[in-house]
């Protein structure tokens, strides 16, 4: 029973894109590992840019600079 957790920033990810991610990851696990889609779990967490850091800075600060 595979469990995949995808984390993205909470900006600009559409419901259609999330659906494609879920379908694609499920298909990949089936193709590569032979896992059943009916027992594959994919969870997408959306994280606020204030809560995501790179190089000691939040993404909010990085994106404000351009």
C-alpha atoms as a PDB file:
ATOM      1  CA  UNK A   1       0.000   0.000   0.000  1.00  0.00           C
ATOM      2  CA  UNK A   2       2.070   2.962  -1.227  1.00  0.00           C
ATOM      3  CA  UNK A   3       1.610   6.370   0.317  1.00  0.00           C
ATOM      4  CA  UNK A   4       2.980   9.406  -1.528  1.00  0.00           C
ATOM      5  CA  UNK A   5       2.990  12.895  -0.028  1.00  0.00           C
ATOM      6  CA  UNK A   6       3.471  15.845  -2.381  1.00  0.00           C
ATOM      7  CA  UNK A   7       4.068  19.281  -0.905  1.00  0.00           C
ATOM      8  CA  UNK A   8       3.653  22.411  -2.980  1.00  0.00           C
ATOM      9  CA  UNK A   9       3.349  26.071  -2.155  1.00  0.00           C
ATOM     10  CA  UNK A  10      -0.193  27.334  -1.835  1.00  0.00           C
ATOM     11  CA  UNK A  11      -0.050  29.525  -4.905  1.00  0.00           C
ATOM     12  CA  UNK A  12      -1.346  28.774  -8.337  1.00  0.00           C
ATOM     13  CA  UNK A  13      -1.890  25.011  -8.229  1.00  0.00           C
ATOM     14  CA  UNK A  14      -5.251  24.295  -9.814  1.00  0.00           C
ATOM     15  CA  UNK A  15      -7.607  21.440  -9.041  1.00  0.00           C
ATOM     16  CA  UNK A  16      -6.924  20.103 -12.542  1.00  0.00           C
ATOM     17  CA  UNK A  17      -3.156  20.091 -11.925  1.00  0.00           C
ATOM     18  CA  UNK A  18      -3.641  18.272  -8.625  1.00  0.00           C
ATOM     19  CA  UNK A  19      -5.790  15.680 -10.340  1.00  0.00           C
ATOM     20  CA  UNK A  20      -3.081  15.142 -12.973  1.00  0.00           C
ATOM     21  CA  UNK A  21      -0.422  14.784 -10.267  1.00  0.00           C
ATOM     22  CA  UNK A  22      -2.494  12.168  -8.454  1.00  0.00           C
ATOM     23  CA  UNK A  23      -3.175  10.244 -11.665  1.00  0.00           C
ATOM     24  CA  UNK A  24       0.434  10.465 -12.829  1.00  0.00           C
ATOM     25  CA  UNK A  25       1.985   9.339  -9.547  1.00  0.00           C
ATOM     26  CA  UNK A  26      -0.496   6.477  -9.269  1.00  0.00           C
ATOM     27  CA  UNK A  27       0.285   5.374 -12.826  1.00  0.00           C
ATOM     28  CA  UNK A  28       4.048   5.633 -12.192  1.00  0.00           C
ATOM     29  CA  UNK A  29       3.852   3.388  -9.129  1.00  0.00           C
ATOM     30  CA  UNK A  30       1.789   0.900 -11.097  1.00  0.00           C
ATOM     31  CA  UNK A  31       4.189   0.906 -14.063  1.00  0.00           C
ATOM     32  CA  UNK A  32       7.466   0.850 -12.134  1.00  0.00           C
ATOM     33  CA  UNK A  33       6.616  -1.123  -9.005  1.00  0.00           C
ATOM     34  CA  UNK A  34       3.500  -3.030 -10.051  1.00  0.00           C
ATOM     35  CA  UNK A  35       1.410  -1.420  -7.314  1.00  0.00           C
ATOM     36  CA  UNK A  36      -2.374  -1.519  -7.503  1.00  0.00           C
ATOM     37  CA  UNK A  37      -4.008   1.870  -8.074  1.00  0.00           C
ATOM     38  CA  UNK A  38      -6.811   0.876  -5.707  1.00  0.00           C
ATOM     39  CA  UNK A  39      -4.349   0.700  -2.807  1.00  0.00           C
ATOM     40  CA  UNK A  40      -2.176   3.696  -3.732  1.00  0.00           C
ATOM     41  CA  UNK A  41      -2.651   6.841  -1.674  1.00  0.00           C
ATOM     42  CA  UNK A  42      -1.495  10.255  -2.881  1.00  0.00           C
ATOM     43  CA  UNK A  43      -1.826  13.289  -0.621  1.00  0.00           C
ATOM     44  CA  UNK A  44      -1.102  16.840  -1.724  1.00  0.00           C
ATOM     45  CA  UNK A  45      -0.277  19.333   1.014  1.00  0.00           C
ATOM     46  CA  UNK A  46      -0.359  23.010   0.168  1.00  0.00           C
ATOM     47  CA  UNK A  47       2.066  25.031   2.277  1.00  0.00           C
ATOM     48  CA  UNK A  48       1.901  28.787   2.763  1.00  0.00           C
ATOM     49  CA  UNK A  49       5.002  30.509   1.384  1.00  0.00           C
ATOM     50  CA  UNK A  50       5.648  31.944   4.868  1.00  0.00           C
ATOM     51  CA  UNK A  51       6.124  28.341   6.031  1.00  0.00           C
ATOM     52  CA  UNK A  52       8.513  27.253   3.262  1.00  0.00           C
ATOM     53  CA  UNK A  53      12.138  28.256   3.481  1.00  0.00           C
ATOM     54  CA  UNK A  54      15.091  28.103   1.103  1.00  0.00           C
ATOM     55  CA  UNK A  55      18.576  29.310   1.940  1.00  0.00           C
ATOM     56  CA  UNK A  56      17.483  30.731   5.277  1.00  0.00           C
ATOM     57  CA  UNK A  57      14.620  32.786   3.854  1.00  0.00           C
ATOM     58  CA  UNK A  58      10.922  32.267   3.401  1.00  0.00           C
ATOM     59  CA  UNK A  59       9.599  31.926  -0.119  1.00  0.00           C
ATOM     60  CA  UNK A  60       7.433  34.967   0.586  1.00  0.00           C
ATOM     61  CA  UNK A  61      10.545  37.117   1.034  1.00  0.00           C
ATOM     62  CA  UNK A  62      12.306  35.597  -1.964  1.00  0.00           C
ATOM     63  CA  UNK A  63       9.317  36.147  -4.223  1.00  0.00           C
ATOM     64  CA  UNK A  64       8.880  39.746  -3.082  1.00  0.00           C
ATOM     65  CA  UNK A  65      12.382  40.486  -4.321  1.00  0.00           C
ATOM     66  CA  UNK A  66      11.528  38.990  -7.688  1.00  0.00           C
END
